[in-house]
Amino acid sequence: MAAKQTSFERFSLIRCEFKARVAAWTAALPWLAEAQRALATDLGKSEYAIETPIVYNRAFDEVRQGDHISLIVVADNPGKREQES
């Protein structure tokens, strides 16, 4: 019988799967960045470069077993700060 997974092990699996999914989406949608640039221009918001049309939050990679995490906020539509970082 398999041992019960810890919360951190479940988080690690989800993180790994999500990181791989972002990479797959990015590879499958090479035109997305240009579409986002065109939309930003049309909306008058072209003041920053779109370098990563699908953002993977690299802060997830800093989470280690034993860290005390109270809340993880997951949102869509990366903005200027996410693009810059």
C-alpha atoms as a PDB file:
ATOM      1  CA  MET A   1       0.000   0.000   0.000  1.00  0.00           C
ATOM      2  CA  ALA A   2       1.347   3.420  -0.957  1.00  0.00           C
ATOM      3  CA  ALA A   3       2.043   5.927   1.786  1.00  0.00           C
ATOM      4  CA  LYS A   4      -0.241   8.951   2.020  1.00  0.00           C
ATOM      5  CA  GLN A   5       1.164  11.984   0.209  1.00  0.00           C
ATOM      6  CA  THR A   6       2.024  15.032   2.241  1.00  0.00           C
ATOM      7  CA  SER A   7       0.636  18.441   1.359  1.00  0.00           C
ATOM      8  CA  PHE A   8       4.070  19.448   0.111  1.00  0.00           C
ATOM      9  CA  GLU A   9       4.307  16.389  -2.133  1.00  0.00           C
ATOM     10  CA  ARG A  10       0.901  17.204  -3.648  1.00  0.00           C
ATOM     11  CA  PHE A  11       1.946  20.840  -4.115  1.00  0.00           C
ATOM     12  CA  SER A  12       5.213  19.710  -5.754  1.00  0.00           C
ATOM     13  CA  LEU A  13       3.354  17.504  -8.240  1.00  0.00           C
ATOM     14  CA  ILE A  14       0.921  20.289  -9.110  1.00  0.00           C
ATOM     15  CA  ARG A  15       3.784  22.775  -9.483  1.00  0.00           C
ATOM     16  CA  CYS A  16       5.703  20.431 -11.782  1.00  0.00           C
ATOM     17  CA  GLU A  17       2.647  19.691 -13.910  1.00  0.00           C
ATOM     18  CA  PHE A  18       1.755  23.387 -14.155  1.00  0.00           C
ATOM     19  CA  LYS A  19       5.304  24.375 -15.134  1.00  0.00           C
ATOM     20  CA  ALA A  20       5.269  21.725 -17.873  1.00  0.00           C
ATOM     21  CA  ARG A  21       1.830  22.855 -19.046  1.00  0.00           C
ATOM     22  CA  VAL A  22       2.973  26.501 -19.317  1.00  0.00           C
ATOM     23  CA  ALA A  23       5.967  25.353 -21.375  1.00  0.00           C
ATOM     24  CA  ALA A  24       3.688  23.289 -23.641  1.00  0.00           C
ATOM     25  CA  TRP A  25       1.229  26.172 -24.107  1.00  0.00           C
ATOM     26  CA  THR A  26       4.086  28.548 -24.881  1.00  0.00           C
ATOM     27  CA  ALA A  27       5.482  26.158 -27.502  1.00  0.00           C
ATOM     28  CA  ALA A  28       2.061  25.498 -29.017  1.00  0.00           C
ATOM     29  CA  LEU A  29       1.082  29.177 -29.259  1.00  0.00           C
ATOM     30  CA  PRO A  30       4.088  31.022 -30.746  1.00  0.00           C
ATOM     31  CA  TRP A  31       1.804  33.745 -32.133  1.00  0.00           C
ATOM     32  CA  LEU A  32       0.284  34.643 -28.754  1.00  0.00           C
ATOM     33  CA  ALA A  33       2.850  37.296 -27.780  1.00  0.00           C
ATOM     34  CA  GLU A  34       2.283  39.196 -31.014  1.00  0.00           C
ATOM     35  CA  ALA A  35      -1.494  38.999 -30.547  1.00  0.00           C
ATOM     36  CA  GLN A  36      -1.120  40.412 -27.029  1.00  0.00           C
ATOM     37  CA  ARG A  37       1.134  43.207 -28.313  1.00  0.00           C
ATOM     38  CA  ALA A  38      -1.432  44.112 -30.984  1.00  0.00           C
ATOM     39  CA  LEU A  39      -4.245  44.121 -28.425  1.00  0.00           C
ATOM     40  CA  ALA A  40      -2.246  46.310 -26.014  1.00  0.00           C
ATOM     41  CA  THR A  41      -1.538  48.751 -28.850  1.00  0.00           C
ATOM     42  CA  ASP A  42      -5.205  48.816 -29.847  1.00  0.00           C
ATOM     43  CA  LEU A  43      -6.134  49.549 -26.223  1.00  0.00           C
ATOM     44  CA  GLY A  44      -3.479  52.278 -25.925  1.00  0.00           C
ATOM     45  CA  LYS A  45      -1.467  50.292 -23.372  1.00  0.00           C
ATOM     46  CA  SER A  46       1.674  49.429 -25.311  1.00  0.00           C
ATOM     47  CA  GLU A  47       4.117  51.021 -22.826  1.00  0.00           C
ATOM     48  CA  TYR A  48       5.840  47.749 -21.926  1.00  0.00           C
ATOM     49  CA  ALA A  49       7.190  44.766 -23.802  1.00  0.00           C
ATOM     50  CA  ILE A  50       5.371  41.453 -23.741  1.00  0.00           C
ATOM     51  CA  GLU A  51       8.122  38.891 -23.360  1.00  0.00           C
ATOM     52  CA  THR A  52       6.242  36.026 -21.750  1.00  0.00           C
ATOM     53  CA  PRO A  53       2.661  35.770 -22.997  1.00  0.00           C
ATOM     54  CA  ILE A  54       1.978  32.921 -20.577  1.00  0.00           C
ATOM     55  CA  VAL A  55       3.567  33.589 -17.199  1.00  0.00           C
ATOM     56  CA  TYR A  56       4.851  30.897 -14.855  1.00  0.00           C
ATOM     57  CA  ASN A  57       5.420  32.423 -11.430  1.00  0.00           C
ATOM     58  CA  ARG A  58       9.004  31.409 -10.621  1.00  0.00           C
ATOM     59  CA  ALA A  59       8.343  32.155  -6.949  1.00  0.00           C
ATOM     60  CA  PHE A  60       6.640  28.731  -6.868  1.00  0.00           C
ATOM     61  CA  ASP A  61      10.115  27.208  -7.353  1.00  0.00           C
ATOM     62  CA  GLU A  62      11.291  28.886  -4.150  1.00  0.00           C
ATOM     63  CA  VAL A  63       8.738  27.051  -1.983  1.00  0.00           C
ATOM     64  CA  ARG A  64      10.472  24.379   0.088  1.00  0.00           C
ATOM     65  CA  GLN A  65       9.215  21.695   2.404  1.00  0.00           C
ATOM     66  CA  GLY A  66       8.873  23.189   5.863  1.00  0.00           C
ATOM     67  CA  ASP A  67       7.965  26.676   4.604  1.00  0.00           C
ATOM     68  CA  HIS A  68       4.859  28.106   6.212  1.00  0.00           C
ATOM     69  CA  ILE A  69       2.498  29.117   3.413  1.00  0.00           C
ATOM     70  CA  SER A  70      -0.803  30.622   4.495  1.00  0.00           C
ATOM     71  CA  LEU A  71      -2.143  31.520   1.088  1.00  0.00           C
ATOM     72  CA  ILE A  72      -1.274  31.124  -2.583  1.00  0.00           C
ATOM     73  CA  VAL A  73      -3.134  33.486  -4.897  1.00  0.00           C
ATOM     74  CA  VAL A  74      -3.657  32.244  -8.434  1.00  0.00           C
ATOM     75  CA  ALA A  75      -4.876  34.733 -11.020  1.00  0.00           C
ATOM     76  CA  ASP A  76      -4.969  35.165 -14.758  1.00  0.00           C
ATOM     77  CA  ASN A  77      -4.118  37.991 -17.132  1.00  0.00           C
ATOM     78  CA  PRO A  78      -0.521  38.831 -16.229  1.00  0.00           C
ATOM     79  CA  GLY A  79       0.087  42.540 -16.144  1.00  0.00           C
ATOM     80  CA  LYS A  80       3.009  44.883 -16.466  1.00  0.00           C
ATOM     81  CA  ARG A  81       4.810  43.778 -13.276  1.00  0.00           C
ATOM     82  CA  GLU A  82       4.568  40.091 -14.172  1.00  0.00           C
ATOM     83  CA  GLN A  83       5.894  40.799 -17.669  1.00  0.00           C
ATOM     84  CA  GLU A  84       8.774  42.850 -16.307  1.00  0.00           C
ATOM     85  CA  SER A  85       9.809  40.182 -13.842  1.00  0.00           C
END
